[in-house]
């Protein structure tokens, strides 16, 4: 017979006792009287983890969570012009888990890649722009002028098609919440292509 011990967690600095360490985002919001529309985060050593309403999470004794109104977050087509992106070439694909896939068509690559124009996909996390994007994808897949695949790439099925993923990450601390923007991330993508490998 298993023995369950209650665990103590903190949501918005308020203490709660749980009989079950496995919870959903929705159950935690209900426990703390938080609107289901708000964004719930689990504090961690790196980036805080967004807990979707329908995702299950196993909490530890002493876990800290906090919530933010959704008005603080979100990014849509109205923001693209401010980021220097042509709205007519961009499309958002909202995902059930709160992520948005931004696809920019006719993205031109520097010399050294074939083809030299692709669709570029960027995954925007639910708390973007406070949460940083990671990696990027192109369609169709590209090769270097030497006929080789670029470093750290693989194929992935997204949006019903085959995309080439660039497993490429920002350096720790490069993304600054409240300061960094999509334009900054686009500059980093351009710099990655300028390496021509």
C-alpha atoms as a PDB file:
ATOM      1  CA  UNK A   1       0.000   0.000   0.000  1.00  0.00           C
ATOM      2  CA  UNK A   2       1.516   3.287  -1.109  1.00  0.00           C
ATOM      3  CA  UNK A   3       1.750   6.160   1.306  1.00  0.00           C
ATOM      4  CA  UNK A   4       0.987   9.671   0.020  1.00  0.00           C
ATOM      5  CA  UNK A   5       2.423  12.712   1.721  1.00  0.00           C
ATOM      6  CA  UNK A   6       1.039  16.151   1.074  1.00  0.00           C
ATOM      7  CA  UNK A   7       3.400  18.650  -0.527  1.00  0.00           C
ATOM      8  CA  UNK A   8       3.599  22.374  -0.033  1.00  0.00           C
ATOM      9  CA  UNK A   9       3.697  24.678  -3.071  1.00  0.00           C
ATOM     10  CA  UNK A  10       3.488  28.418  -3.589  1.00  0.00           C
ATOM     11  CA  UNK A  11       1.365  30.150  -6.224  1.00  0.00           C
ATOM     12  CA  UNK A  12       1.836  33.922  -6.439  1.00  0.00           C
ATOM     13  CA  UNK A  13       3.645  33.689  -3.064  1.00  0.00           C
ATOM     14  CA  UNK A  14       0.582  32.110  -1.428  1.00  0.00           C
ATOM     15  CA  UNK A  15       1.102  28.703   0.242  1.00  0.00           C
ATOM     16  CA  UNK A  16      -1.010  25.664  -0.709  1.00  0.00           C
ATOM     17  CA  UNK A  17      -0.976  22.038   0.483  1.00  0.00           C
ATOM     18  CA  UNK A  18      -1.536  19.351  -2.165  1.00  0.00           C
ATOM     19  CA  UNK A  19      -2.434  15.713  -1.567  1.00  0.00           C
ATOM     20  CA  UNK A  20      -1.434  14.842  -5.130  1.00  0.00           C
ATOM     21  CA  UNK A  21       1.789  16.105  -6.722  1.00  0.00           C
ATOM     22  CA  UNK A  22       0.368  15.616 -10.243  1.00  0.00           C
ATOM     23  CA  UNK A  23      -1.740  18.608 -11.277  1.00  0.00           C
ATOM     24  CA  UNK A  24      -2.905  20.359 -14.428  1.00  0.00           C
ATOM     25  CA  UNK A  25      -2.559  24.037 -15.168  1.00  0.00           C
ATOM     26  CA  UNK A  26      -6.330  24.362 -14.852  1.00  0.00           C
ATOM     27  CA  UNK A  27      -6.475  22.627 -11.447  1.00  0.00           C
ATOM     28  CA  UNK A  28      -3.714  24.863 -10.092  1.00  0.00           C
ATOM     29  CA  UNK A  29      -5.444  27.996 -11.361  1.00  0.00           C
ATOM     30  CA  UNK A  30      -8.707  26.841  -9.777  1.00  0.00           C
ATOM     31  CA  UNK A  31      -6.907  26.165  -6.486  1.00  0.00           C
ATOM     32  CA  UNK A  32      -5.416  29.666  -6.410  1.00  0.00           C
ATOM     33  CA  UNK A  33      -8.450  31.494  -7.830  1.00  0.00           C
ATOM     34  CA  UNK A  34      -6.638  32.472 -11.022  1.00  0.00           C
ATOM     35  CA  UNK A  35      -8.492  33.124 -14.272  1.00  0.00           C
ATOM     36  CA  UNK A  36      -8.099  30.348 -16.848  1.00  0.00           C
ATOM     37  CA  UNK A  37      -7.130  33.067 -19.341  1.00  0.00           C
ATOM     38  CA  UNK A  38      -4.019  34.010 -17.344  1.00  0.00           C
ATOM     39  CA  UNK A  39      -0.617  32.501 -18.142  1.00  0.00           C
ATOM     40  CA  UNK A  40       0.766  30.201 -15.410  1.00  0.00           C
ATOM     41  CA  UNK A  41       4.529  29.721 -14.977  1.00  0.00           C
ATOM     42  CA  UNK A  42       6.580  27.225 -12.977  1.00  0.00           C
ATOM     43  CA  UNK A  43       9.711  28.954 -11.740  1.00  0.00           C
ATOM     44  CA  UNK A  44      12.923  27.158 -12.687  1.00  0.00           C
ATOM     45  CA  UNK A  45      16.654  27.879 -12.787  1.00  0.00           C
ATOM     46  CA  UNK A  46      16.534  28.652 -16.513  1.00  0.00           C
ATOM     47  CA  UNK A  47      13.496  30.074 -18.258  1.00  0.00           C
ATOM     48  CA  UNK A  48      10.244  29.735 -16.332  1.00  0.00           C
ATOM     49  CA  UNK A  49       8.069  26.967 -17.784  1.00  0.00           C
ATOM     50  CA  UNK A  50       4.613  27.847 -19.109  1.00  0.00           C
ATOM     51  CA  UNK A  51       1.976  25.416 -17.762  1.00  0.00           C
ATOM     52  CA  UNK A  52      -0.942  25.143 -20.190  1.00  0.00           C
ATOM     53  CA  UNK A  53      -4.423  24.531 -18.754  1.00  0.00           C
ATOM     54  CA  UNK A  54      -4.567  20.973 -20.102  1.00  0.00           C
ATOM     55  CA  UNK A  55      -0.958  19.935 -19.409  1.00  0.00           C
ATOM     56  CA  UNK A  56      -0.078  17.719 -16.460  1.00  0.00           C
ATOM     57  CA  UNK A  57       2.862  18.578 -14.270  1.00  0.00           C
ATOM     58  CA  UNK A  58       4.460  16.740 -11.341  1.00  0.00           C
ATOM     59  CA  UNK A  59       5.238  19.279  -8.636  1.00  0.00           C
ATOM     60  CA  UNK A  60       7.884  18.994  -5.950  1.00  0.00           C
ATOM     61  CA  UNK A  61       7.683  20.137  -2.362  1.00  0.00           C
ATOM     62  CA  UNK A  62       8.501  23.851  -2.361  1.00  0.00           C
ATOM     63  CA  UNK A  63       7.646  24.460  -6.048  1.00  0.00           C
ATOM     64  CA  UNK A  64       6.941  28.110  -6.838  1.00  0.00           C
ATOM     65  CA  UNK A  65       4.485  29.192  -9.533  1.00  0.00           C
ATOM     66  CA  UNK A  66       3.252  32.588 -10.631  1.00  0.00           C
ATOM     67  CA  UNK A  67       0.677  33.929 -13.061  1.00  0.00           C
ATOM     68  CA  UNK A  68       0.444  36.910 -15.385  1.00  0.00           C
ATOM     69  CA  UNK A  69      -2.543  38.369 -17.230  1.00  0.00           C
ATOM     70  CA  UNK A  70      -2.482  37.389 -20.910  1.00  0.00           C
ATOM     71  CA  UNK A  71      -2.609  41.048 -21.947  1.00  0.00           C
ATOM     72  CA  UNK A  72       1.099  41.262 -21.109  1.00  0.00           C
ATOM     73  CA  UNK A  73       1.883  38.711 -23.792  1.00  0.00           C
ATOM     74  CA  UNK A  74       0.959  37.753 -27.278  1.00  0.00           C
ATOM     75  CA  UNK A  75       2.174  38.785 -30.652  1.00  0.00           C
ATOM     76  CA  UNK A  76       0.137  39.167 -33.794  1.00  0.00           C
ATOM     77  CA  UNK A  77       0.157  40.467 -37.336  1.00  0.00           C
ATOM     78  CA  UNK A  78      -0.294  44.038 -36.052  1.00  0.00           C
ATOM     79  CA  UNK A  79       3.175  43.783 -34.473  1.00  0.00           C
ATOM     80  CA  UNK A  80       4.967  42.622 -37.626  1.00  0.00           C
ATOM     81  CA  UNK A  81       5.286  46.052 -39.250  1.00  0.00           C
ATOM     82  CA  UNK A  82       7.053  47.349 -36.131  1.00  0.00           C
ATOM     83  CA  UNK A  83       9.518  44.461 -36.512  1.00  0.00           C
ATOM     84  CA  UNK A  84      10.326  45.317 -40.122  1.00  0.00           C
ATOM     85  CA  UNK A  85       8.490  42.298 -41.556  1.00  0.00           C
ATOM     86  CA  UNK A  86       6.249  42.607 -44.604  1.00  0.00           C
ATOM     87  CA  UNK A  87       2.795  41.543 -43.349  1.00  0.00           C
ATOM     88  CA  UNK A  88       1.798  40.327 -46.813  1.00  0.00           C
ATOM     89  CA  UNK A  89       4.528  37.664 -46.632  1.00  0.00           C
ATOM     90  CA  UNK A  90       3.780  36.480 -43.091  1.00  0.00           C
ATOM     91  CA  UNK A  91       1.179  34.112 -41.653  1.00  0.00           C
ATOM     92  CA  UNK A  92       0.458  32.987 -38.098  1.00  0.00           C
ATOM     93  CA  UNK A  93      -0.553  29.395 -37.350  1.00  0.00           C
ATOM     94  CA  UNK A  94      -1.950  29.183 -33.812  1.00  0.00           C
ATOM     95  CA  UNK A  95      -1.289  25.859 -32.056  1.00  0.00           C
ATOM     96  CA  UNK A  96      -3.532  24.231 -29.405  1.00  0.00           C
ATOM     97  CA  UNK A  97      -0.755  24.436 -26.775  1.00  0.00           C
ATOM     98  CA  UNK A  98      -0.594  28.249 -26.967  1.00  0.00           C
ATOM     99  CA  UNK A  99       2.401  28.432 -29.301  1.00  0.00           C
ATOM    100  CA  UNK A 100       2.249  30.365 -32.585  1.00  0.00           C
ATOM    101  CA  UNK A 101       4.106  29.334 -35.713  1.00  0.00           C
ATOM    102  CA  UNK A 102       5.116  32.383 -37.739  1.00  0.00           C
ATOM    103  CA  UNK A 103       5.821  31.570 -41.390  1.00  0.00           C
ATOM    104  CA  UNK A 104       7.546  34.225 -43.517  1.00  0.00           C
ATOM    105  CA  UNK A 105       7.439  33.433 -47.224  1.00  0.00           C
ATOM    106  CA  UNK A 106      10.071  34.382 -49.810  1.00  0.00           C
ATOM    107  CA  UNK A 107      12.811  34.745 -47.205  1.00  0.00           C
ATOM    108  CA  UNK A 108      16.004  35.483 -49.130  1.00  0.00           C
ATOM    109  CA  UNK A 109      19.198  33.653 -48.189  1.00  0.00           C
ATOM    110  CA  UNK A 110      22.706  35.015 -48.736  1.00  0.00           C
ATOM    111  CA  UNK A 111      24.916  33.565 -51.472  1.00  0.00           C
ATOM    112  CA  UNK A 112      26.141  30.095 -50.601  1.00  0.00           C
ATOM    113  CA  UNK A 113      22.785  28.296 -50.309  1.00  0.00           C
ATOM    114  CA  UNK A 114      20.518  26.498 -52.750  1.00  0.00           C
ATOM    115  CA  UNK A 115      17.724  27.407 -53.142  1.00  0.00           C
ATOM    116  CA  UNK A 116      18.329  31.059 -52.283  1.00  0.00           C
ATOM    117  CA  UNK A 117      14.721  31.757 -51.247  1.00  0.00           C
ATOM    118  CA  UNK A 118      12.657  29.750 -48.724  1.00  0.00           C
ATOM    119  CA  UNK A 119       9.738  29.877 -46.342  1.00  0.00           C
ATOM    120  CA  UNK A 120      11.061  30.586 -42.841  1.00  0.00           C
ATOM    121  CA  UNK A 121       9.222  29.235 -39.774  1.00  0.00           C
ATOM    122  CA  UNK A 122       9.745  30.558 -36.250  1.00  0.00           C
ATOM    123  CA  UNK A 123       7.995  29.046 -33.222  1.00  0.00           C
ATOM    124  CA  UNK A 124       6.846  31.741 -30.800  1.00  0.00           C
ATOM    125  CA  UNK A 125       6.273  30.454 -27.242  1.00  0.00           C
ATOM    126  CA  UNK A 126       3.052  31.378 -25.383  1.00  0.00           C
ATOM    127  CA  UNK A 127       4.819  34.038 -23.300  1.00  0.00           C
ATOM    128  CA  UNK A 128       6.668  35.625 -26.263  1.00  0.00           C
ATOM    129  CA  UNK A 129       8.275  38.167 -26.255  1.00  0.00           C
ATOM    130  CA  UNK A 130       9.188  37.587 -22.601  1.00  0.00           C
ATOM    131  CA  UNK A 131      10.034  33.969 -23.458  1.00  0.00           C
ATOM    132  CA  UNK A 132      12.657  33.537 -26.156  1.00  0.00           C
ATOM    133  CA  UNK A 133      12.194  31.662 -29.425  1.00  0.00           C
ATOM    134  CA  UNK A 134      14.549  28.763 -30.095  1.00  0.00           C
ATOM    135  CA  UNK A 135      15.744  27.256 -33.389  1.00  0.00           C
ATOM    136  CA  UNK A 136      14.150  27.931 -36.791  1.00  0.00           C
ATOM    137  CA  UNK A 137      12.920  25.942 -39.796  1.00  0.00           C
ATOM    138  CA  UNK A 138      13.010  26.418 -43.574  1.00  0.00           C
ATOM    139  CA  UNK A 139      11.061  24.942 -46.487  1.00  0.00           C
ATOM    140  CA  UNK A 140      12.173  23.645 -48.871  1.00  0.00           C
ATOM    141  CA  UNK A 141      15.356  22.227 -47.295  1.00  0.00           C
ATOM    142  CA  UNK A 142      18.562  23.990 -48.330  1.00  0.00           C
ATOM    143  CA  UNK A 143      22.077  22.831 -49.135  1.00  0.00           C
ATOM    144  CA  UNK A 144      25.325  24.764 -49.148  1.00  0.00           C
ATOM    145  CA  UNK A 145      26.903  25.661 -52.474  1.00  0.00           C
ATOM    146  CA  UNK A 146      29.218  22.680 -51.879  1.00  0.00           C
ATOM    147  CA  UNK A 147      26.140  20.432 -52.016  1.00  0.00           C
ATOM    148  CA  UNK A 148      26.219  19.516 -48.321  1.00  0.00           C
ATOM    149  CA  UNK A 149      23.539  19.922 -45.659  1.00  0.00           C
ATOM    150  CA  UNK A 150      24.108  22.860 -43.292  1.00  0.00           C
ATOM    151  CA  UNK A 151      25.491  21.922 -39.874  1.00  0.00           C
ATOM    152  CA  UNK A 152      23.068  20.841 -37.122  1.00  0.00           C
ATOM    153  CA  UNK A 153      20.043  20.408 -39.388  1.00  0.00           C
ATOM    154  CA  UNK A 154      17.448  17.654 -39.668  1.00  0.00           C
ATOM    155  CA  UNK A 155      14.008  17.179 -41.181  1.00  0.00           C
ATOM    156  CA  UNK A 156      10.801  17.624 -39.195  1.00  0.00           C
ATOM    157  CA  UNK A 157       7.142  17.387 -40.145  1.00  0.00           C
ATOM    158  CA  UNK A 158       5.328  20.638 -39.328  1.00  0.00           C
ATOM    159  CA  UNK A 159       2.080  22.132 -40.629  1.00  0.00           C
ATOM    160  CA  UNK A 160       1.592  19.064 -42.824  1.00  0.00           C
ATOM    161  CA  UNK A 161       4.894  19.497 -44.660  1.00  0.00           C
ATOM    162  CA  UNK A 162       8.583  18.645 -44.483  1.00  0.00           C
ATOM    163  CA  UNK A 163      10.704  21.396 -42.899  1.00  0.00           C
ATOM    164  CA  UNK A 164      14.440  21.563 -42.303  1.00  0.00           C
ATOM    165  CA  UNK A 165      15.188  22.371 -38.677  1.00  0.00           C
ATOM    166  CA  UNK A 166      18.259  24.379 -37.759  1.00  0.00           C
ATOM    167  CA  UNK A 167      19.131  23.249 -34.216  1.00  0.00           C
ATOM    168  CA  UNK A 168      20.573  26.589 -33.313  1.00  0.00           C
ATOM    169  CA  UNK A 169      20.265  28.300 -29.942  1.00  0.00           C
ATOM    170  CA  UNK A 170      20.864  31.747 -28.544  1.00  0.00           C
ATOM    171  CA  UNK A 171      23.727  32.110 -26.087  1.00  0.00           C
ATOM    172  CA  UNK A 172      22.635  32.176 -22.419  1.00  0.00           C
ATOM    173  CA  UNK A 173      21.518  35.676 -21.468  1.00  0.00           C
ATOM    174  CA  UNK A 174      21.283  36.854 -25.088  1.00  0.00           C
ATOM    175  CA  UNK A 175      17.495  37.154 -24.871  1.00  0.00           C
ATOM    176  CA  UNK A 176      16.438  39.900 -22.472  1.00  0.00           C
ATOM    177  CA  UNK A 177      12.730  39.904 -21.529  1.00  0.00           C
ATOM    178  CA  UNK A 178      11.164  43.299 -22.075  1.00  0.00           C
ATOM    179  CA  UNK A 179      14.033  44.371 -24.340  1.00  0.00           C
ATOM    180  CA  UNK A 180      14.638  41.700 -26.995  1.00  0.00           C
ATOM    181  CA  UNK A 181      12.283  41.597 -29.971  1.00  0.00           C
ATOM    182  CA  UNK A 182      11.494  39.471 -32.999  1.00  0.00           C
ATOM    183  CA  UNK A 183      13.671  41.825 -35.029  1.00  0.00           C
ATOM    184  CA  UNK A 184      16.635  40.809 -32.815  1.00  0.00           C
ATOM    185  CA  UNK A 185      15.907  37.125 -33.409  1.00  0.00           C
ATOM    186  CA  UNK A 186      15.644  37.722 -37.173  1.00  0.00           C
ATOM    187  CA  UNK A 187      19.083  39.375 -37.088  1.00  0.00           C
ATOM    188  CA  UNK A 188      20.449  36.285 -35.323  1.00  0.00           C
ATOM    189  CA  UNK A 189      18.942  34.025 -38.007  1.00  0.00           C
ATOM    190  CA  UNK A 190      20.535  36.161 -40.724  1.00  0.00           C
ATOM    191  CA  UNK A 191      23.886  35.927 -38.908  1.00  0.00           C
ATOM    192  CA  UNK A 192      23.542  32.121 -38.764  1.00  0.00           C
ATOM    193  CA  UNK A 193      23.091  31.975 -42.554  1.00  0.00           C
ATOM    194  CA  UNK A 194      26.087  34.271 -43.112  1.00  0.00           C
ATOM    195  CA  UNK A 195      28.288  31.530 -41.646  1.00  0.00           C
ATOM    196  CA  UNK A 196      27.477  29.607 -44.868  1.00  0.00           C
ATOM    197  CA  UNK A 197      27.930  26.213 -43.220  1.00  0.00           C
END
